[in-house]
Amino acid sequence: MSRRRFLSLLPQLAVLTAAPAFVRNAAAQEGLSAKSITVGSSFAMTGPQSGFGNAIKLGSDAAIAQINAKGGVQGRLLQLQALDDGYVPQRSVDNVKKMIDDGNVFALMSCQGTPNNAAILPLIEASNLPYLAPLSGSTSLRKSSSRNVFHVRASYTEETHRLMEKLLSMGIHNLGIAYMDNQFGKEILADATSVLTAHDMKPAVQAALAIDGRNAQEVATQIMAAKPAAVLLGTSGASSVALIAALKKISPLLPIAGLSVALVGDDFKNVGAASAGLALTMVFPNPYSARTPVVRDYQSAMRAVGSKEFSSGSLESYINTLVLAEALERAGRDVTRAKLRTALQSLQKFDLGGFVVDYSGAAPFVGSHYVDLGVLGANGRFLG
């Protein structure tokens, strides 16, 4: 070969030489390698909602350890990249943007909070990143235009309606409502008020609680001044703990009811004996009842990673991780994000053992409409 001919081929040779590296980088950018699949998540490891955030981490870690002990998914180990957002929406945006820009996550799972998820949804749609199980039941997040988002839990609207109808059927009509002063709390207030309006009623009182619960005493005083027959909590995390303590100090026998996220993780421990008689909705089975097969599996997985503390929050993230693993398995060894979305849509009547996920139908994709009611004992566990 002449020197001139050789020099003329150098640009083409350079492209061919670089091609394998490009392919490897493209795979890495999807959080996918020959040995692992990396999934991203953003939730509160610090701040007033960290009780739920820590439960999320525990449940996901337990499920991943259980899955990987059996060989992973299609021969790849499942990994979680979790970033702390302190329940601050802008930090959630920064975290998800970083994961997308760094190109090291294949999908997203179990990000926490209504305002936080509302903030990151535009990034999800713009990047076409598959996103399973937002940790929010907000109806406003369940949009027919969201082709990349797959919800697992029932909606807050379903929870609120079930709880309100139960309270009304018990003859409790003079109802006070405490709601968190953010998008989440205001949506619960709107749902509860709509049920009352349908029965020609109004709230006896409605009071906004700060996200960190700093005005809990003032809110409790405002609510009790209206002498309600019961109080509905549209609150979550440490703020709920502070408000329950303040209400029970004024009226120890006051009936209090809340949604599934009112208390999560360490909140049950922190509220102490004041939890006795508290009614909560449940969108997953009782995490303490080993009669349900999926709960037995969950408890076994938690013990295997050294945790003997069970909670609705860690059970939820455990189940979410199992759903993702099943979809990844169905997507096959040559998985792509498009194949993962197709596999998620294919999950119909998928029974994990007492909890069924079904994505049949068009977007918004919602896997479960399971809503039950439970009452807590003084030990913070559901009775029965």
Foldseek 3Di string as FASTA:
>chain_A
DDPVVVVVCVVVVVCVVCVVVVVVVLCQLQQHDLAAAEEEEEEACDAQFNLLVVLLVLLQVLLQVVQVVVQHFQNHRYHYDYDHDNQDQVSLQVRVVVSNVVSNHNAYEAYEDDSNLVSCQVVCVVSVHAYEAHRAQDPVNFDLVRLRYAHEFHHLLLFLLVVLVVCVVVVFQAEEEEFEPDPQRVSSVVSNQVNQVVVVGGHLYYYYAYLNLPCLLVRLVRRCVSVGQAYEYSHAGNNLLSNLVNNCVVPVPHAYEYEQRNYWHCSLVSSFLSQAFYKYKARDDFLVDVVFPLSVVSCVSSVVVPDNDTISSSSVSNVRSVLQSQLSNVLHPPHHSVSSSVSSCPQAQDDPGRGGFHQDDGGPGYGGNDMDMFGAHSSSGTDD
